[in-house]
Amino acid sequence: MNKTYANLLIIILASFLSYSTLTQARNGTLYERGIESLNEETEVDESSDNNSPKIQDDLEINENDKSISNLIKAVVYIEKGGCPGDGLGEWYSTGSGSMIDRRGLILTNYHVVDECTGQILIGISESPDSDPNIRFIAEVASYDKDLDIAVLNITKFYKDKTVFNDDNLSFLTIGDSDTANLGDDINVWGYPGSRGEISGQSRLNLSKGTVSGIDSYKGYKRGWIISDVNITWGNSGGAAVNSDNELIAIPSEGRGVGSGGGILGALRPVNIALDTIESARRITGKK
């Protein structure tokens, strides 16, 4: 009898559990529990993936690659012919510039384009191992001769001389030069020579250094950022960027060297170029 009652009790309990499970399945309780469990597992997996040092390292490398690629394309080569040659015939003025707007505004030194009557040609490099390809023609949109600053505006394509109307150019973010301090890392990008067909040296160069001094100039407390970067004359007008690859200064003048080369250590802070930049945006409508 005891064995019979025991078997009967097992049958009753099994029937009750089956009925309870069927009821929960019908009203969706088990489905909801399953989804909640799946979401919890997914959240744990996603959290684990995001915290993976390997993935974080890969993301940082990819972002750095994109930033360097943008810098290569945003720092431009500038060439202007028709310069007075002191009895030796015409010569070319060459220098560098920084694209500061996706629609074709370029910040550079005034002396790069001063006194020459030819067209201003703009070259862009697609990679560090290629010469700049002349792609555009530009005009001076605004300038400040005393500060040796000029903003150029791309107006035509070089190849067919049609009106420039692109809005997808690589450009540099303008930083705050007032935050530059002694000892800060600073990188200078530019073209130390001219196109291969003119001088045989034309590729983009990067020079690394530090901020070694801050000087005043014509009423500006921060009129110069002095750097120990060793670069040559063709870098005039190029890009001096901080550790975040923001444009904070323009290589403009050599200190303690003769004409034509040496240490180009005096950088014009970008903050005192902001009025000239704003004038160019207003004149060209590129705001």
Protein backbone atom coordinates (compact mmCIF):
# COMPACT_ATOMS: atom_id res chain seq x y z
CA MET A 1 0.00 0.00 0.00
CA ASN A 2 2.72 2.44 0.89
CA LYS A 3 4.40 1.89 -2.45
CA THR A 4 1.09 2.45 -4.24
CA TYR A 5 0.47 5.72 -2.40
CA ALA A 6 4.00 6.87 -3.13
CA ASN A 7 3.62 6.24 -6.85
CA LEU A 8 0.26 8.03 -6.83
CA LEU A 9 1.81 11.04 -5.09
CA ILE A 10 4.60 11.22 -7.71
CA ILE A 11 2.02 11.13 -10.51
CA ILE A 12 0.01 13.96 -8.87
CA LEU A 13 3.13 16.17 -8.41
CA ALA A 14 4.27 15.57 -11.98
CA SER A 15 0.85 16.50 -13.30
CA PHE A 16 0.82 19.72 -11.26
CA LEU A 17 4.29 20.75 -12.46
CA SER A 18 3.37 20.04 -16.08
CA TYR A 19 0.20 22.12 -15.74
CA SER A 20 2.13 25.03 -14.14
CA THR A 21 4.78 24.99 -16.87
CA LEU A 22 2.13 24.89 -19.60
CA THR A 23 0.30 27.84 -18.02
CA GLN A 24 3.49 29.97 -17.87
CA ALA A 25 4.32 29.10 -21.45
CA ARG A 26 0.84 30.16 -22.59
CA ASN A 27 0.92 33.57 -20.83
CA GLY A 28 4.50 34.33 -21.96
CA THR A 29 6.13 34.20 -18.53
CA LEU A 30 8.80 31.73 -19.59
CA TYR A 31 9.44 33.67 -22.82
CA GLU A 32 9.96 36.92 -20.90
CA ARG A 33 12.25 35.19 -18.44
CA GLY A 34 14.24 33.75 -21.34
CA ILE A 35 14.60 37.18 -23.00
CA GLU A 36 15.66 38.77 -19.72
CA SER A 37 18.27 36.07 -19.24
CA LEU A 38 19.52 36.52 -22.80
CA ASN A 39 19.75 40.30 -22.38
CA GLU A 40 21.71 39.91 -19.18
CA GLU A 41 24.18 37.59 -20.91
CA THR A 42 24.46 39.97 -23.87
CA GLU A 43 25.10 42.95 -21.62
CA VAL A 44 27.82 41.05 -19.80
CA ASP A 45 29.41 40.03 -23.09
CA GLU A 46 29.29 43.57 -24.51
CA SER A 47 30.73 45.03 -21.33
CA SER A 48 33.48 42.45 -21.41
CA ASP A 49 34.28 43.22 -25.06
CA ASN A 50 34.40 46.99 -24.52
CA ASN A 51 36.78 46.60 -21.62
CA SER A 52 39.12 44.38 -23.59
CA PRO A 53 42.59 46.03 -23.72
CA LYS A 54 43.19 44.54 -27.18
CA ILE A 55 40.04 46.14 -28.64
CA GLN A 56 40.80 49.49 -26.99
CA ASP A 57 44.33 49.41 -28.40
CA ASP A 58 42.99 48.62 -31.88
CA LEU A 59 40.51 51.50 -31.68
CA GLU A 60 43.24 53.93 -30.61
CA ILE A 61 45.52 52.77 -33.43
CA ASN A 62 42.74 53.16 -35.99
CA GLU A 63 41.88 56.64 -34.75
CA ASN A 64 45.55 57.64 -34.84
CA ASP A 65 45.88 56.34 -38.40
CA LYS A 66 42.86 58.39 -39.46
CA SER A 67 44.29 61.50 -37.81
CA ILE A 68 47.68 61.13 -39.53
CA SER A 69 46.00 60.49 -42.89
CA ASN A 70 43.94 63.64 -42.41
CA LEU A 71 47.05 65.69 -41.56
CA ILE A 72 48.85 64.46 -44.66
CA LYS A 73 46.01 65.69 -46.87
CA ALA A 74 45.23 68.86 -44.91
CA VAL A 75 48.77 70.30 -44.94
CA VAL A 76 49.18 71.66 -48.46
CA TYR A 77 52.01 72.66 -50.77
CA ILE A 78 51.86 76.25 -52.11
CA GLU A 79 53.60 77.51 -55.21
CA LYS A 80 53.45 80.90 -56.90
CA GLY A 81 55.35 82.00 -59.98
CA GLY A 82 56.11 85.38 -61.46
CA CYS A 83 58.35 86.49 -58.61
CA PRO A 84 60.94 89.21 -59.23
CA GLY A 85 64.30 87.61 -59.89
CA ASP A 86 66.81 90.44 -59.36
CA GLY A 87 68.04 90.18 -62.93
CA LEU A 88 68.14 86.40 -62.86
CA GLY A 89 64.71 85.89 -64.41
CA GLU A 90 61.46 84.86 -62.75
CA TRP A 91 61.50 82.43 -59.90
CA TYR A 92 58.97 80.46 -57.90
CA SER A 93 57.94 81.12 -54.32
CA THR A 94 57.09 77.92 -52.51
CA GLY A 95 55.80 77.24 -49.04
CA SER A 96 53.19 75.39 -47.04
CA GLY A 97 49.69 75.96 -45.72
CA SER A 98 46.96 74.41 -43.61
CA MET A 99 43.49 73.65 -44.89
CA ILE A 100 41.14 75.04 -42.23
CA ASP A 101 37.82 74.50 -43.95
CA ARG A 102 36.40 71.61 -45.97
CA ARG A 103 35.39 74.12 -48.68
CA GLY A 104 38.88 75.33 -49.40
CA LEU A 105 40.20 78.01 -47.01
CA ILE A 106 43.95 77.78 -46.38
CA LEU A 107 45.92 79.50 -43.62
CA THR A 108 49.53 80.41 -44.46
CA ASN A 109 52.16 83.16 -44.21
CA TYR A 110 51.73 86.35 -46.18
CA HIS A 111 55.34 86.27 -47.33
CA VAL A 112 54.70 82.93 -49.11
CA VAL A 113 52.48 84.67 -51.70
CA ASP A 114 53.70 88.28 -51.49
CA GLU A 115 55.37 90.16 -54.39
CA CYS A 116 54.65 87.48 -57.00
CA THR A 117 52.26 87.93 -59.93
CA GLY A 118 51.63 84.31 -60.97
CA GLN A 119 48.80 82.02 -60.03
CA ILE A 120 48.75 80.47 -56.56
CA LEU A 121 48.89 76.71 -57.04
CA ILE A 122 47.85 74.29 -54.31
CA GLY A 123 49.24 70.76 -54.11
CA ILE A 124 48.03 67.89 -51.95
CA SER A 125 49.79 64.64 -51.05
CA GLU A 126 47.76 61.46 -50.76
CA SER A 127 50.50 59.62 -48.84
CA PRO A 128 53.86 60.41 -47.21
CA ASP A 129 55.76 58.67 -50.01
CA SER A 130 54.27 60.70 -52.86
CA ASP A 131 54.98 64.17 -54.23
CA PRO A 132 52.23 66.78 -53.92
CA ASN A 133 49.78 66.74 -56.79
CA ILE A 134 48.83 70.24 -58.00
CA ARG A 135 45.05 70.18 -57.83
CA PHE A 136 43.78 73.70 -57.23
CA ILE A 137 44.21 77.40 -57.97
CA ALA A 138 43.67 79.82 -55.08
CA GLU A 139 43.42 83.56 -54.44
CA VAL A 140 44.24 85.66 -51.38
CA ALA A 141 40.99 86.19 -49.46
CA SER A 142 42.38 88.21 -46.53
CA TYR A 143 45.75 89.03 -44.99
CA ASP A 144 47.60 90.91 -42.26
CA LYS A 145 51.02 91.93 -43.52
CA ASP A 146 52.28 93.02 -40.08
CA LEU A 147 51.48 89.63 -38.59
CA ASP A 148 52.63 87.82 -41.76
CA ILE A 149 49.32 85.97 -42.05
CA ALA A 150 47.23 85.24 -45.13
CA VAL A 151 44.12 83.18 -45.80
CA LEU A 152 43.78 81.74 -49.30
CA ASN A 153 40.57 80.65 -50.96
CA ILE A 154 40.51 77.84 -53.51
CA THR A 155 38.61 79.11 -56.55
CA LYS A 156 39.38 76.70 -59.42
CA PHE A 157 40.47 73.19 -60.23
CA TYR A 158 43.95 73.23 -61.73
CA LYS A 159 43.44 70.57 -64.39
CA ASP A 160 40.52 72.06 -66.35
CA LYS A 161 40.29 75.52 -64.73
CA THR A 162 36.62 74.95 -63.82
CA VAL A 163 35.09 76.63 -60.76
CA PHE A 164 35.89 74.85 -57.49
CA ASN A 165 32.72 73.66 -55.79
CA ASP A 166 33.76 70.75 -53.56
CA ASP A 167 33.02 70.64 -49.86
CA ASN A 168 34.77 67.49 -48.72
CA LEU A 169 38.42 68.47 -48.33
CA SER A 170 40.46 67.30 -45.36
CA PHE A 171 41.09 70.12 -42.88
CA LEU A 172 42.66 70.79 -39.50
CA THR A 173 40.80 71.68 -36.33
CA ILE A 174 41.89 75.06 -34.96
CA GLY A 175 43.07 74.76 -31.38
CA ASP A 176 43.73 77.30 -28.62
CA SER A 177 47.30 78.59 -28.78
CA ASP A 178 46.90 80.30 -25.40
CA THR A 179 47.06 76.88 -23.75
CA ALA A 180 50.57 76.18 -25.09
CA ASN A 181 53.12 75.93 -22.28
CA LEU A 182 56.86 75.44 -22.03
CA GLY A 183 57.80 71.83 -22.51
CA ASP A 184 54.66 70.91 -24.45
CA ASP A 185 55.15 68.60 -27.40
CA ILE A 186 54.70 70.29 -30.76
CA ASN A 187 54.86 68.84 -34.27
CA VAL A 188 55.53 70.89 -37.38
CA TRP A 189 54.28 69.70 -40.77
CA GLY A 190 55.28 71.26 -44.07
CA TYR A 191 57.08 71.05 -47.39
CA PRO A 192 60.76 71.95 -46.95
CA GLY A 193 61.41 72.14 -50.70
CA SER A 194 59.56 72.62 -53.94
CA ARG A 195 58.17 70.23 -56.53
CA GLY A 196 60.58 67.66 -57.92
CA GLU A 197 60.58 69.29 -61.34
CA ILE A 198 61.83 72.53 -59.77
CA SER A 199 64.20 71.50 -56.99
CA GLY A 200 64.08 67.72 -56.72
CA GLN A 201 62.78 67.82 -53.13
CA SER A 202 59.12 68.20 -52.45
CA ARG A 203 57.63 65.69 -50.08
CA LEU A 204 55.83 66.43 -46.86
CA ASN A 205 58.00 66.44 -43.72
CA LEU A 206 57.22 66.10 -40.03
CA SER A 207 59.52 67.63 -37.38
CA LYS A 208 58.97 66.91 -33.69
CA GLY A 209 59.99 69.19 -30.84
CA THR A 210 58.83 71.11 -27.80
CA VAL A 211 57.68 74.60 -26.91
CA SER A 212 60.82 76.31 -25.66
CA GLY A 213 59.65 79.91 -25.32
CA ILE A 214 56.78 82.40 -25.67
CA ASP A 215 57.54 85.94 -26.86
CA SER A 216 55.51 89.11 -27.28
CA TYR A 217 55.02 90.94 -30.57
CA LYS A 218 53.51 94.34 -31.37
CA GLY A 219 51.22 94.47 -28.35
CA TYR A 220 50.41 90.76 -28.34
CA LYS A 221 51.50 89.11 -25.11
CA ARG A 222 51.72 85.85 -27.03
CA GLY A 223 53.01 87.00 -30.38
CA TRP A 224 55.41 84.10 -30.91
CA ILE A 225 55.62 80.50 -29.82
CA ILE A 226 59.30 79.52 -29.92
CA SER A 227 60.17 75.91 -30.61
CA ASP A 228 63.35 73.87 -30.84
CA VAL A 229 62.07 72.20 -34.03
CA ASN A 230 64.75 72.06 -36.74
CA ILE A 231 63.12 72.74 -40.11
CA THR A 232 63.88 74.70 -43.29
CA TRP A 233 62.44 77.63 -45.22
CA GLY A 234 59.81 75.71 -47.22
CA ASN A 235 57.87 74.99 -44.04
CA SER A 236 56.77 78.64 -43.85
CA GLY A 237 53.02 78.78 -43.52
CA GLY A 238 52.70 75.13 -42.55
CA ALA A 239 51.08 73.53 -39.53
CA ALA A 240 52.33 73.44 -35.95
CA VAL A 241 50.03 71.06 -34.07
CA ASN A 242 49.70 70.01 -30.45
CA SER A 243 49.43 66.47 -29.07
CA ASP A 244 45.76 66.37 -30.11
CA ASN A 245 46.75 67.29 -33.70
CA GLU A 246 45.01 70.65 -33.40
CA LEU A 247 46.47 73.60 -35.31
CA ILE A 248 47.95 76.00 -32.76
CA ALA A 249 50.60 77.93 -34.71
CA ILE A 250 52.10 78.77 -38.11
CA PRO A 251 55.86 78.30 -38.71
CA SER A 252 56.84 81.81 -39.81
CA GLU A 253 60.37 82.89 -39.05
CA GLY A 254 63.86 81.57 -38.44
CA ARG A 255 65.80 82.66 -35.40
CA GLY A 256 69.58 82.96 -35.39
CA VAL A 257 70.08 81.69 -38.93
CA GLY A 258 70.89 83.16 -42.31
CA SER A 259 68.51 83.56 -45.20
CA GLY A 260 67.31 80.40 -46.91
CA GLY A 261 67.44 77.71 -44.24
CA GLY A 262 68.29 76.52 -40.76
CA ILE A 263 66.11 76.55 -37.68
CA LEU A 264 62.62 77.85 -38.29
CA GLY A 265 61.79 78.14 -34.63
CA ALA A 266 59.41 81.10 -34.46
CA LEU A 267 55.76 80.10 -34.79
CA ARG A 268 52.88 82.55 -35.09
CA PRO A 269 50.13 81.59 -32.59
CA VAL A 270 46.88 80.79 -34.34
CA ASN A 271 44.80 82.84 -31.89
CA ILE A 272 46.09 86.11 -33.31
CA ALA A 273 45.13 84.93 -36.79
CA LEU A 274 41.45 84.46 -35.87
CA ASP A 275 40.36 87.94 -37.02
CA THR A 276 42.00 87.40 -40.42
CA ILE A 277 40.35 83.99 -40.69
CA GLU A 278 36.96 85.46 -39.83
CA SER A 279 37.41 88.16 -42.47
CA ALA A 280 38.11 85.48 -45.08
CA ARG A 281 35.02 83.52 -44.04
CA ARG A 282 32.89 86.64 -44.32
CA ILE A 283 34.30 87.64 -47.71
CA THR A 284 34.03 84.18 -49.25
CA GLY A 285 30.82 83.16 -47.52
CA LYS A 286 32.52 80.01 -46.23
CA LYS A 287 31.28 80.07 -42.66
